Every structure is written in C-alpha cells, then in structure tokens.
Amino acid sequence: MLPDKNILIELANAKMPFGKYQGRYLIDLPEYYVVWYRNKGFPKGKLGNQLEQVYELKLNGLEDLIRNIQKQNLKLR
C-alpha cells in the first residue's frame, strides 16, 4: 500500500515546534535525536505521528523521498 501523498507533502513541510531543533524540518533532525524519541516514546498527537514516520523513513534510508518533495515545492513557488 502506498502512503497518502498529502501526508508525505505535509511531512515534507513539517518543522520542529520547540527545543534545540526548533524551526528545523523534521526530516533534517539528526538521526540520534529521532532514535532518542523512539526509545523515550514519541509525543502524543500529530507531532508524534510525524516523528514516527521520520524514524521509519530514516531507518529505511528513504529521506530523499521527502527531500524530493521539498525540492518540487520550491520549484512551484
């Protein structure tokens, strides 16, 4: 089953809302930080779901999928 493209587009535009990495795209968070959240427990709600998706993408080496969406969005502007 393919992921919903709208979810991927939203994830490509999602930024960290707080902390040391505030304002950074979730896909650009350091891997150790995402793994730390995985071990600690992802936050509840949308942010937690997005961080979990980022974890899975990084785990499977698919970050470029999101980066390509970001590049396409820049071209459209």
Foldseek 3Di string as FASTA:
>chain_A
DDDDVVVLLVLLVDADCDDPRHPHRLLPPDLVVLVVCVVVDADDDDRSVSSVVSNVCVVVVNSVVSVVSVVVVVVVD
